[in-house]
mmCIF file of all heavy atoms, coordinates in Angstrom:
data_MODEL
# 
_entry.id   MODEL 
# 
loop_
_atom_site.group_PDB 
_atom_site.id 
_atom_site.type_symbol 
_atom_site.label_atom_id 
_atom_site.label_alt_id 
_atom_site.label_comp_id 
_atom_site.label_asym_id 
_atom_site.label_entity_id 
_atom_site.label_seq_id 
_atom_site.pdbx_PDB_ins_code 
_atom_site.Cartn_x 
_atom_site.Cartn_y 
_atom_site.Cartn_z 
_atom_site.occupancy 
_atom_site.B_iso_or_equiv 
_atom_site.pdbx_formal_charge 
_atom_site.auth_seq_id 
_atom_site.auth_comp_id 
_atom_site.auth_asym_id 
_atom_site.auth_atom_id 
_atom_site.pdbx_PDB_model_num 
ATOM 1   N N   . GLY A 1 1  ? -1.899 15.038  -8.265  1.00 0.00 ? 1  GLY A N   1 
ATOM 2   C CA  . GLY A 1 1  ? -0.871 15.619  -9.049  1.00 0.00 ? 1  GLY A CA  1 
ATOM 3   C C   . GLY A 1 1  ? 0.593  15.067  -8.932  1.00 0.00 ? 1  GLY A C   1 
ATOM 4   O O   . GLY A 1 1  ? 1.585  15.538  -9.532  1.00 0.00 ? 1  GLY A O   1 
ATOM 5   N N   . ILE A 1 2  ? 0.627  13.966  -8.202  1.00 0.00 ? 2  ILE A N   1 
ATOM 6   C CA  . ILE A 1 2  ? 1.925  13.237  -7.910  1.00 0.00 ? 2  ILE A CA  1 
ATOM 7   C C   . ILE A 1 2  ? 2.051  12.111  -8.852  1.00 0.00 ? 2  ILE A C   1 
ATOM 8   O O   . ILE A 1 2  ? 1.183  11.170  -8.808  1.00 0.00 ? 2  ILE A O   1 
ATOM 9   C CB  . ILE A 1 2  ? 2.187  12.894  -6.508  1.00 0.00 ? 2  ILE A CB  1 
ATOM 10  C CG1 . ILE A 1 2  ? 2.031  14.134  -5.540  1.00 0.00 ? 2  ILE A CG1 1 
ATOM 11  C CG2 . ILE A 1 2  ? 3.428  12.124  -6.178  1.00 0.00 ? 2  ILE A CG2 1 
ATOM 12  C CD1 . ILE A 1 2  ? 1.965  13.766  -4.127  1.00 0.00 ? 2  ILE A CD1 1 
ATOM 13  N N   . ASN A 1 3  ? 3.057  12.072  -9.766  1.00 0.00 ? 3  ASN A N   1 
ATOM 14  C CA  . ASN A 1 3  ? 3.278  10.831  -10.558 1.00 0.00 ? 3  ASN A CA  1 
ATOM 15  C C   . ASN A 1 3  ? 4.042  9.741   -9.853  1.00 0.00 ? 3  ASN A C   1 
ATOM 16  O O   . ASN A 1 3  ? 4.949  10.069  -9.095  1.00 0.00 ? 3  ASN A O   1 
ATOM 17  C CB  . ASN A 1 3  ? 4.073  11.271  -11.786 1.00 0.00 ? 3  ASN A CB  1 
ATOM 18  C CG  . ASN A 1 3  ? 3.265  12.236  -12.660 1.00 0.00 ? 3  ASN A CG  1 
ATOM 19  O OD1 . ASN A 1 3  ? 2.037  12.143  -12.804 1.00 0.00 ? 3  ASN A OD1 1 
ATOM 20  N ND2 . ASN A 1 3  ? 3.952  13.294  -13.194 1.00 0.00 ? 3  ASN A ND2 1 
ATOM 21  N N   . PHE A 1 4  ? 3.545  8.436   -9.944  1.00 0.00 ? 4  PHE A N   1 
ATOM 22  C CA  . PHE A 1 4  ? 4.253  7.429   -9.299  1.00 0.00 ? 4  PHE A CA  1 
ATOM 23  C C   . PHE A 1 4  ? 4.020  6.025   -10.079 1.00 0.00 ? 4  PHE A C   1 
ATOM 24  O O   . PHE A 1 4  ? 3.223  6.085   -10.938 1.00 0.00 ? 4  PHE A O   1 
ATOM 25  C CB  . PHE A 1 4  ? 3.596  7.234   -7.857  1.00 0.00 ? 4  PHE A CB  1 
ATOM 26  C CG  . PHE A 1 4  ? 2.199  6.906   -7.781  1.00 0.00 ? 4  PHE A CG  1 
ATOM 27  C CD1 . PHE A 1 4  ? 1.841  5.598   -7.571  1.00 0.00 ? 4  PHE A CD1 1 
ATOM 28  C CD2 . PHE A 1 4  ? 1.144  7.818   -8.091  1.00 0.00 ? 4  PHE A CD2 1 
ATOM 29  C CE1 . PHE A 1 4  ? 0.527  5.179   -7.521  1.00 0.00 ? 4  PHE A CE1 1 
ATOM 30  C CE2 . PHE A 1 4  ? -0.145 7.337   -8.001  1.00 0.00 ? 4  PHE A CE2 1 
ATOM 31  C CZ  . PHE A 1 4  ? -0.475 6.115   -7.683  1.00 0.00 ? 4  PHE A CZ  1 
ATOM 32  N N   . THR A 1 5  ? 4.787  5.083   -9.623  1.00 0.00 ? 5  THR A N   1 
ATOM 33  C CA  . THR A 1 5  ? 4.599  3.765   -10.269 1.00 0.00 ? 5  THR A CA  1 
ATOM 34  C C   . THR A 1 5  ? 3.499  3.031   -9.479  1.00 0.00 ? 5  THR A C   1 
ATOM 35  O O   . THR A 1 5  ? 3.640  2.715   -8.313  1.00 0.00 ? 5  THR A O   1 
ATOM 36  C CB  . THR A 1 5  ? 5.918  3.051   -10.329 1.00 0.00 ? 5  THR A CB  1 
ATOM 37  O OG1 . THR A 1 5  ? 6.833  3.730   -11.015 1.00 0.00 ? 5  THR A OG1 1 
ATOM 38  C CG2 . THR A 1 5  ? 5.690  1.636   -10.970 1.00 0.00 ? 5  THR A CG2 1 
ATOM 39  N N   . ALA A 1 6  ? 2.505  2.581   -10.231 1.00 0.00 ? 6  ALA A N   1 
ATOM 40  C CA  . ALA A 1 6  ? 1.336  1.952   -9.551  1.00 0.00 ? 6  ALA A CA  1 
ATOM 41  C C   . ALA A 1 6  ? 1.693  0.510   -9.109  1.00 0.00 ? 6  ALA A C   1 
ATOM 42  O O   . ALA A 1 6  ? 2.479  -0.152  -9.583  1.00 0.00 ? 6  ALA A O   1 
ATOM 43  C CB  . ALA A 1 6  ? 0.178  1.980   -10.503 1.00 0.00 ? 6  ALA A CB  1 
ATOM 44  N N   . TYR A 1 7  ? 0.848  0.222   -8.152  1.00 0.00 ? 7  TYR A N   1 
ATOM 45  C CA  . TYR A 1 7  ? 0.973  -1.252  -7.512  1.00 0.00 ? 7  TYR A CA  1 
ATOM 46  C C   . TYR A 1 7  ? -0.526 -1.681  -7.313  1.00 0.00 ? 7  TYR A C   1 
ATOM 47  O O   . TYR A 1 7  ? -1.263 -1.055  -6.580  1.00 0.00 ? 7  TYR A O   1 
ATOM 48  C CB  . TYR A 1 7  ? 1.829  -1.339  -6.263  1.00 0.00 ? 7  TYR A CB  1 
ATOM 49  C CG  . TYR A 1 7  ? 1.853  -2.725  -5.736  1.00 0.00 ? 7  TYR A CG  1 
ATOM 50  C CD1 . TYR A 1 7  ? 2.721  -3.659  -6.317  1.00 0.00 ? 7  TYR A CD1 1 
ATOM 51  C CD2 . TYR A 1 7  ? 1.178  -3.090  -4.649  1.00 0.00 ? 7  TYR A CD2 1 
ATOM 52  C CE1 . TYR A 1 7  ? 2.841  -4.958  -5.793  1.00 0.00 ? 7  TYR A CE1 1 
ATOM 53  C CE2 . TYR A 1 7  ? 1.182  -4.375  -4.014  1.00 0.00 ? 7  TYR A CE2 1 
ATOM 54  C CZ  . TYR A 1 7  ? 1.990  -5.173  -4.585  1.00 0.00 ? 7  TYR A CZ  1 
ATOM 55  O OH  . TYR A 1 7  ? 2.141  -6.526  -4.120  1.00 0.00 ? 7  TYR A OH  1 
ATOM 56  N N   . ASN A 1 8  ? -0.915 -2.811  -7.939  1.00 0.00 ? 8  ASN A N   1 
ATOM 57  C CA  . ASN A 1 8  ? -2.228 -3.319  -7.668  1.00 0.00 ? 8  ASN A CA  1 
ATOM 58  C C   . ASN A 1 8  ? -2.216 -4.167  -6.424  1.00 0.00 ? 8  ASN A C   1 
ATOM 59  O O   . ASN A 1 8  ? -1.415 -5.108  -6.223  1.00 0.00 ? 8  ASN A O   1 
ATOM 60  C CB  . ASN A 1 8  ? -2.664 -4.126  -8.871  1.00 0.00 ? 8  ASN A CB  1 
ATOM 61  C CG  . ASN A 1 8  ? -4.150 -4.573  -8.756  1.00 0.00 ? 8  ASN A CG  1 
ATOM 62  O OD1 . ASN A 1 8  ? -4.482 -5.445  -8.066  1.00 0.00 ? 8  ASN A OD1 1 
ATOM 63  N ND2 . ASN A 1 8  ? -4.985 -3.859  -9.520  1.00 0.00 ? 8  ASN A ND2 1 
ATOM 64  N N   . PHE A 1 9  ? -3.178 -3.963  -5.535  1.00 0.00 ? 9  PHE A N   1 
ATOM 65  C CA  . PHE A 1 9  ? -3.197 -4.428  -4.235  1.00 0.00 ? 9  PHE A CA  1 
ATOM 66  C C   . PHE A 1 9  ? -3.807 -5.836  -4.098  1.00 0.00 ? 9  PHE A C   1 
ATOM 67  O O   . PHE A 1 9  ? -3.663 -6.560  -3.119  1.00 0.00 ? 9  PHE A O   1 
ATOM 68  C CB  . PHE A 1 9  ? -3.899 -3.609  -3.216  1.00 0.00 ? 9  PHE A CB  1 
ATOM 69  C CG  . PHE A 1 9  ? -3.202 -2.315  -3.017  1.00 0.00 ? 9  PHE A CG  1 
ATOM 70  C CD1 . PHE A 1 9  ? -3.492 -1.183  -3.716  1.00 0.00 ? 9  PHE A CD1 1 
ATOM 71  C CD2 . PHE A 1 9  ? -2.359 -2.221  -1.949  1.00 0.00 ? 9  PHE A CD2 1 
ATOM 72  C CE1 . PHE A 1 9  ? -2.940 0.057   -3.471  1.00 0.00 ? 9  PHE A CE1 1 
ATOM 73  C CE2 . PHE A 1 9  ? -1.651 -0.932  -1.679  1.00 0.00 ? 9  PHE A CE2 1 
ATOM 74  C CZ  . PHE A 1 9  ? -1.915 0.201   -2.452  1.00 0.00 ? 9  PHE A CZ  1 
ATOM 75  N N   . SER A 1 10 ? -4.489 -6.331  -5.112  1.00 0.00 ? 10 SER A N   1 
ATOM 76  C CA  . SER A 1 10 ? -5.212 -7.598  -5.132  1.00 0.00 ? 10 SER A CA  1 
ATOM 77  C C   . SER A 1 10 ? -4.255 -8.699  -4.778  1.00 0.00 ? 10 SER A C   1 
ATOM 78  O O   . SER A 1 10 ? -3.173 -8.869  -5.305  1.00 0.00 ? 10 SER A O   1 
ATOM 79  C CB  . SER A 1 10 ? -5.862 -8.006  -6.368  1.00 0.00 ? 10 SER A CB  1 
ATOM 80  O OG  . SER A 1 10 ? -4.981 -8.133  -7.491  1.00 0.00 ? 10 SER A OG  1 
ATOM 81  N N   . GLY A 1 11 ? -4.593 -9.508  -3.715  1.00 0.00 ? 11 GLY A N   1 
ATOM 82  C CA  . GLY A 1 11 ? -3.854 -10.729 -3.316  1.00 0.00 ? 11 GLY A CA  1 
ATOM 83  C C   . GLY A 1 11 ? -2.668 -10.447 -2.632  1.00 0.00 ? 11 GLY A C   1 
ATOM 84  O O   . GLY A 1 11 ? -1.840 -11.244 -2.225  1.00 0.00 ? 11 GLY A O   1 
ATOM 85  N N   . SER A 1 12 ? -2.308 -9.148  -2.250  1.00 0.00 ? 12 SER A N   1 
ATOM 86  C CA  . SER A 1 12 ? -1.177 -8.769  -1.557  1.00 0.00 ? 12 SER A CA  1 
ATOM 87  C C   . SER A 1 12 ? -1.308 -8.775  -0.051  1.00 0.00 ? 12 SER A C   1 
ATOM 88  O O   . SER A 1 12 ? -2.488 -8.665  0.495   1.00 0.00 ? 12 SER A O   1 
ATOM 89  C CB  . SER A 1 12 ? -0.648 -7.429  -2.061  1.00 0.00 ? 12 SER A CB  1 
ATOM 90  O OG  . SER A 1 12 ? -1.525 -6.396  -1.727  1.00 0.00 ? 12 SER A OG  1 
ATOM 91  N N   . PHE A 1 13 ? -0.172 -8.712  0.674   1.00 0.00 ? 13 PHE A N   1 
ATOM 92  C CA  . PHE A 1 13 ? -0.364 -8.532  2.117   1.00 0.00 ? 13 PHE A CA  1 
ATOM 93  C C   . PHE A 1 13 ? 0.629  -7.593  2.721   1.00 0.00 ? 13 PHE A C   1 
ATOM 94  O O   . PHE A 1 13 ? 0.306  -6.948  3.818   1.00 0.00 ? 13 PHE A O   1 
ATOM 95  C CB  . PHE A 1 13 ? -0.202 -9.970  2.795   1.00 0.00 ? 13 PHE A CB  1 
ATOM 96  C CG  . PHE A 1 13 ? 1.155  -10.435 2.846   1.00 0.00 ? 13 PHE A CG  1 
ATOM 97  C CD1 . PHE A 1 13 ? 2.116  -10.244 3.899   1.00 0.00 ? 13 PHE A CD1 1 
ATOM 98  C CD2 . PHE A 1 13 ? 1.796  -11.161 1.674   1.00 0.00 ? 13 PHE A CD2 1 
ATOM 99  C CE1 . PHE A 1 13 ? 3.416  -10.764 3.855   1.00 0.00 ? 13 PHE A CE1 1 
ATOM 100 C CE2 . PHE A 1 13 ? 2.928  -11.667 1.756   1.00 0.00 ? 13 PHE A CE2 1 
ATOM 101 C CZ  . PHE A 1 13 ? 3.919  -11.426 2.827   1.00 0.00 ? 13 PHE A CZ  1 
ATOM 102 N N   . ILE A 1 14 ? 1.692  -7.312  2.086   1.00 0.00 ? 14 ILE A N   1 
ATOM 103 C CA  . ILE A 1 14 ? 2.730  -6.388  2.644   1.00 0.00 ? 14 ILE A CA  1 
ATOM 104 C C   . ILE A 1 14 ? 2.214  -5.008  2.805   1.00 0.00 ? 14 ILE A C   1 
ATOM 105 O O   . ILE A 1 14 ? 2.352  -4.290  3.804   1.00 0.00 ? 14 ILE A O   1 
ATOM 106 C CB  . ILE A 1 14 ? 4.036  -6.441  1.916   1.00 0.00 ? 14 ILE A CB  1 
ATOM 107 C CG1 . ILE A 1 14 ? 4.673  -7.882  2.069   1.00 0.00 ? 14 ILE A CG1 1 
ATOM 108 C CG2 . ILE A 1 14 ? 5.055  -5.470  2.536   1.00 0.00 ? 14 ILE A CG2 1 
ATOM 109 C CD1 . ILE A 1 14 ? 5.892  -8.191  1.266   1.00 0.00 ? 14 ILE A CD1 1 
ATOM 110 N N   . PRO A 1 15 ? 1.639  -4.399  1.624   1.00 0.00 ? 15 PRO A N   1 
ATOM 111 C CA  . PRO A 1 15 ? 1.277  -3.069  1.732   1.00 0.00 ? 15 PRO A CA  1 
ATOM 112 C C   . PRO A 1 15 ? 0.292  -2.748  2.839   1.00 0.00 ? 15 PRO A C   1 
ATOM 113 O O   . PRO A 1 15 ? 0.253  -1.672  3.506   1.00 0.00 ? 15 PRO A O   1 
ATOM 114 C CB  . PRO A 1 15 ? 0.719  -2.702  0.371   1.00 0.00 ? 15 PRO A CB  1 
ATOM 115 C CG  . PRO A 1 15 ? 1.330  -3.671  -0.562  1.00 0.00 ? 15 PRO A CG  1 
ATOM 116 C CD  . PRO A 1 15 ? 1.534  -4.992  0.274   1.00 0.00 ? 15 PRO A CD  1 
ATOM 117 N N   . ILE A 1 16 ? -0.753 -3.540  2.906   1.00 0.00 ? 16 ILE A N   1 
ATOM 118 C CA  . ILE A 1 16 ? -1.837 -3.265  3.893   1.00 0.00 ? 16 ILE A CA  1 
ATOM 119 C C   . ILE A 1 16 ? -1.269 -3.423  5.309   1.00 0.00 ? 16 ILE A C   1 
ATOM 120 O O   . ILE A 1 16 ? -1.785 -2.563  6.284   1.00 0.00 ? 16 ILE A O   1 
ATOM 121 C CB  . ILE A 1 16 ? -3.113 -4.190  3.643   1.00 0.00 ? 16 ILE A CB  1 
ATOM 122 C CG1 . ILE A 1 16 ? -4.249 -3.686  4.381   1.00 0.00 ? 16 ILE A CG1 1 
ATOM 123 C CG2 . ILE A 1 16 ? -2.764 -5.575  4.056   1.00 0.00 ? 16 ILE A CG2 1 
ATOM 124 C CD1 . ILE A 1 16 ? -4.701 -2.339  4.019   1.00 0.00 ? 16 ILE A CD1 1 
ATOM 125 N N   . LEU A 1 17 ? -0.384 -4.303  5.561   1.00 0.00 ? 17 LEU A N   1 
ATOM 126 C CA  . LEU A 1 17 ? 0.209  -4.337  6.859   1.00 0.00 ? 17 LEU A CA  1 
ATOM 127 C C   . LEU A 1 17 ? 1.013  -3.181  7.287   1.00 0.00 ? 17 LEU A C   1 
ATOM 128 O O   . LEU A 1 17 ? 0.957  -2.642  8.370   1.00 0.00 ? 17 LEU A O   1 
ATOM 129 C CB  . LEU A 1 17 ? 1.074  -5.666  6.990   1.00 0.00 ? 17 LEU A CB  1 
ATOM 130 C CG  . LEU A 1 17 ? 0.432  -7.014  6.831   1.00 0.00 ? 17 LEU A CG  1 
ATOM 131 C CD1 . LEU A 1 17 ? 1.307  -8.146  7.085   1.00 0.00 ? 17 LEU A CD1 1 
ATOM 132 C CD2 . LEU A 1 17 ? -0.775 -7.187  7.824   1.00 0.00 ? 17 LEU A CD2 1 
ATOM 133 N N   . LEU A 1 18 ? 1.788  -2.673  6.225   1.00 0.00 ? 18 LEU A N   1 
ATOM 134 C CA  . LEU A 1 18 ? 2.568  -1.419  6.445   1.00 0.00 ? 18 LEU A CA  1 
ATOM 135 C C   . LEU A 1 18 ? 1.568  -0.266  6.753   1.00 0.00 ? 18 LEU A C   1 
ATOM 136 O O   . LEU A 1 18 ? 1.813  0.533   7.707   1.00 0.00 ? 18 LEU A O   1 
ATOM 137 C CB  . LEU A 1 18 ? 3.288  -1.146  5.254   1.00 0.00 ? 18 LEU A CB  1 
ATOM 138 C CG  . LEU A 1 18 ? 4.603  -2.028  5.006   1.00 0.00 ? 18 LEU A CG  1 
ATOM 139 C CD1 . LEU A 1 18 ? 5.236  -1.699  3.667   1.00 0.00 ? 18 LEU A CD1 1 
ATOM 140 C CD2 . LEU A 1 18 ? 5.622  -1.792  6.090   1.00 0.00 ? 18 LEU A CD2 1 
ATOM 141 N N   . SER A 1 19 ? 0.529  -0.150  6.013   1.00 0.00 ? 19 SER A N   1 
ATOM 142 C CA  . SER A 1 19 ? -0.406 0.980   6.179   1.00 0.00 ? 19 SER A CA  1 
ATOM 143 C C   . SER A 1 19 ? -1.126 0.962   7.512   1.00 0.00 ? 19 SER A C   1 
ATOM 144 O O   . SER A 1 19 ? -1.240 1.970   8.113   1.00 0.00 ? 19 SER A O   1 
ATOM 145 C CB  . SER A 1 19 ? -1.485 0.822   4.974   1.00 0.00 ? 19 SER A CB  1 
ATOM 146 O OG  . SER A 1 19 ? -0.988 0.938   3.794   1.00 0.00 ? 19 SER A OG  1 
ATOM 147 N N   . VAL A 1 20 ? -1.678 -0.288  7.908   1.00 0.00 ? 20 VAL A N   1 
ATOM 148 C CA  . VAL A 1 20 ? -2.335 -0.326  9.134   1.00 0.00 ? 20 VAL A CA  1 
ATOM 149 C C   . VAL A 1 20 ? -1.339 -0.113  10.301  1.00 0.00 ? 20 VAL A C   1 
ATOM 150 O O   . VAL A 1 20 ? -1.666 0.473   11.420  1.00 0.00 ? 20 VAL A O   1 
ATOM 151 C CB  . VAL A 1 20 ? -3.016 -1.671  9.212   1.00 0.00 ? 20 VAL A CB  1 
ATOM 152 C CG1 . VAL A 1 20 ? -3.764 -1.827  10.689  1.00 0.00 ? 20 VAL A CG1 1 
ATOM 153 C CG2 . VAL A 1 20 ? -4.101 -1.785  8.165   1.00 0.00 ? 20 VAL A CG2 1 
ATOM 154 N N   . PHE A 1 21 ? -0.212 -0.655  10.203  1.00 0.00 ? 21 PHE A N   1 
ATOM 155 C CA  . PHE A 1 21 ? 0.852  -0.454  11.318  1.00 0.00 ? 21 PHE A CA  1 
ATOM 156 C C   . PHE A 1 21 ? 1.118  1.001   11.461  1.00 0.00 ? 21 PHE A C   1 
ATOM 157 O O   . PHE A 1 21 ? 1.103  1.447   12.690  1.00 0.00 ? 21 PHE A O   1 
ATOM 158 C CB  . PHE A 1 21 ? 2.162  -1.216  10.895  1.00 0.00 ? 21 PHE A CB  1 
ATOM 159 C CG  . PHE A 1 21 ? 3.345  -0.906  11.759  1.00 0.00 ? 21 PHE A CG  1 
ATOM 160 C CD1 . PHE A 1 21 ? 3.339  -1.429  13.062  1.00 0.00 ? 21 PHE A CD1 1 
ATOM 161 C CD2 . PHE A 1 21 ? 4.440  -0.002  11.330  1.00 0.00 ? 21 PHE A CD2 1 
ATOM 162 C CE1 . PHE A 1 21 ? 4.439  -1.169  13.913  1.00 0.00 ? 21 PHE A CE1 1 
ATOM 163 C CE2 . PHE A 1 21 ? 5.446  0.212   12.154  1.00 0.00 ? 21 PHE A CE2 1 
ATOM 164 C CZ  . PHE A 1 21 ? 5.468  -0.370  13.546  1.00 0.00 ? 21 PHE A CZ  1 
ATOM 165 N N   . CYS A 1 22 ? 1.411  1.657   10.421  1.00 0.00 ? 22 CYS A N   1 
ATOM 166 C CA  . CYS A 1 22 ? 1.699  3.171   10.522  1.00 0.00 ? 22 CYS A CA  1 
ATOM 167 C C   . CYS A 1 22 ? 0.346  3.991   10.947  1.00 0.00 ? 22 CYS A C   1 
ATOM 168 O O   . CYS A 1 22 ? 0.458  4.875   11.801  1.00 0.00 ? 22 CYS A O   1 
ATOM 169 C CB  . CYS A 1 22 ? 2.244  3.758   9.201   1.00 0.00 ? 22 CYS A CB  1 
ATOM 170 S SG  . CYS A 1 22 ? 3.759  3.131   8.764   1.00 0.00 ? 22 CYS A SG  1 
ATOM 171 N N   . MET A 1 23 ? -0.786 3.612   10.510  1.00 0.00 ? 23 MET A N   1 
ATOM 172 C CA  . MET A 1 23 ? -2.029 4.228   10.866  1.00 0.00 ? 23 MET A CA  1 
ATOM 173 C C   . MET A 1 23 ? -2.259 4.094   12.277  1.00 0.00 ? 23 MET A C   1 
ATOM 174 O O   . MET A 1 23 ? -2.900 5.061   12.983  1.00 0.00 ? 23 MET A O   1 
ATOM 175 C CB  . MET A 1 23 ? -3.171 3.721   9.989   1.00 0.00 ? 23 MET A CB  1 
ATOM 176 C CG  . MET A 1 23 ? -4.441 4.584   10.110  1.00 0.00 ? 23 MET A CG  1 
ATOM 177 S SD  . MET A 1 23 ? -5.823 3.876   9.237   1.00 0.00 ? 23 MET A SD  1 
ATOM 178 C CE  . MET A 1 23 ? -6.248 2.325   10.025  1.00 0.00 ? 23 MET A CE  1 
ATOM 179 N N   . SER A 1 24 ? -1.858 2.967   12.843  1.00 0.00 ? 24 SER A N   1 
ATOM 180 C CA  . SER A 1 24 ? -2.191 2.671   14.346  1.00 0.00 ? 24 SER A CA  1 
ATOM 181 C C   . SER A 1 24 ? -1.455 3.707   15.163  1.00 0.00 ? 24 SER A C   1 
ATOM 182 O O   . SER A 1 24 ? -2.020 4.289   16.139  1.00 0.00 ? 24 SER A O   1 
ATOM 183 C CB  . SER A 1 24 ? -1.716 1.263   14.674  1.00 0.00 ? 24 SER A CB  1 
ATOM 184 O OG  . SER A 1 24 ? -0.278 1.136   14.733  1.00 0.00 ? 24 SER A OG  1 
# 
């Protein structure tokens, strides 16, 4: 139910590093 501006992750590296860093 939250509207946001989408970002496609293919070929990217910054979002997954941020995600895993915080998840750790």
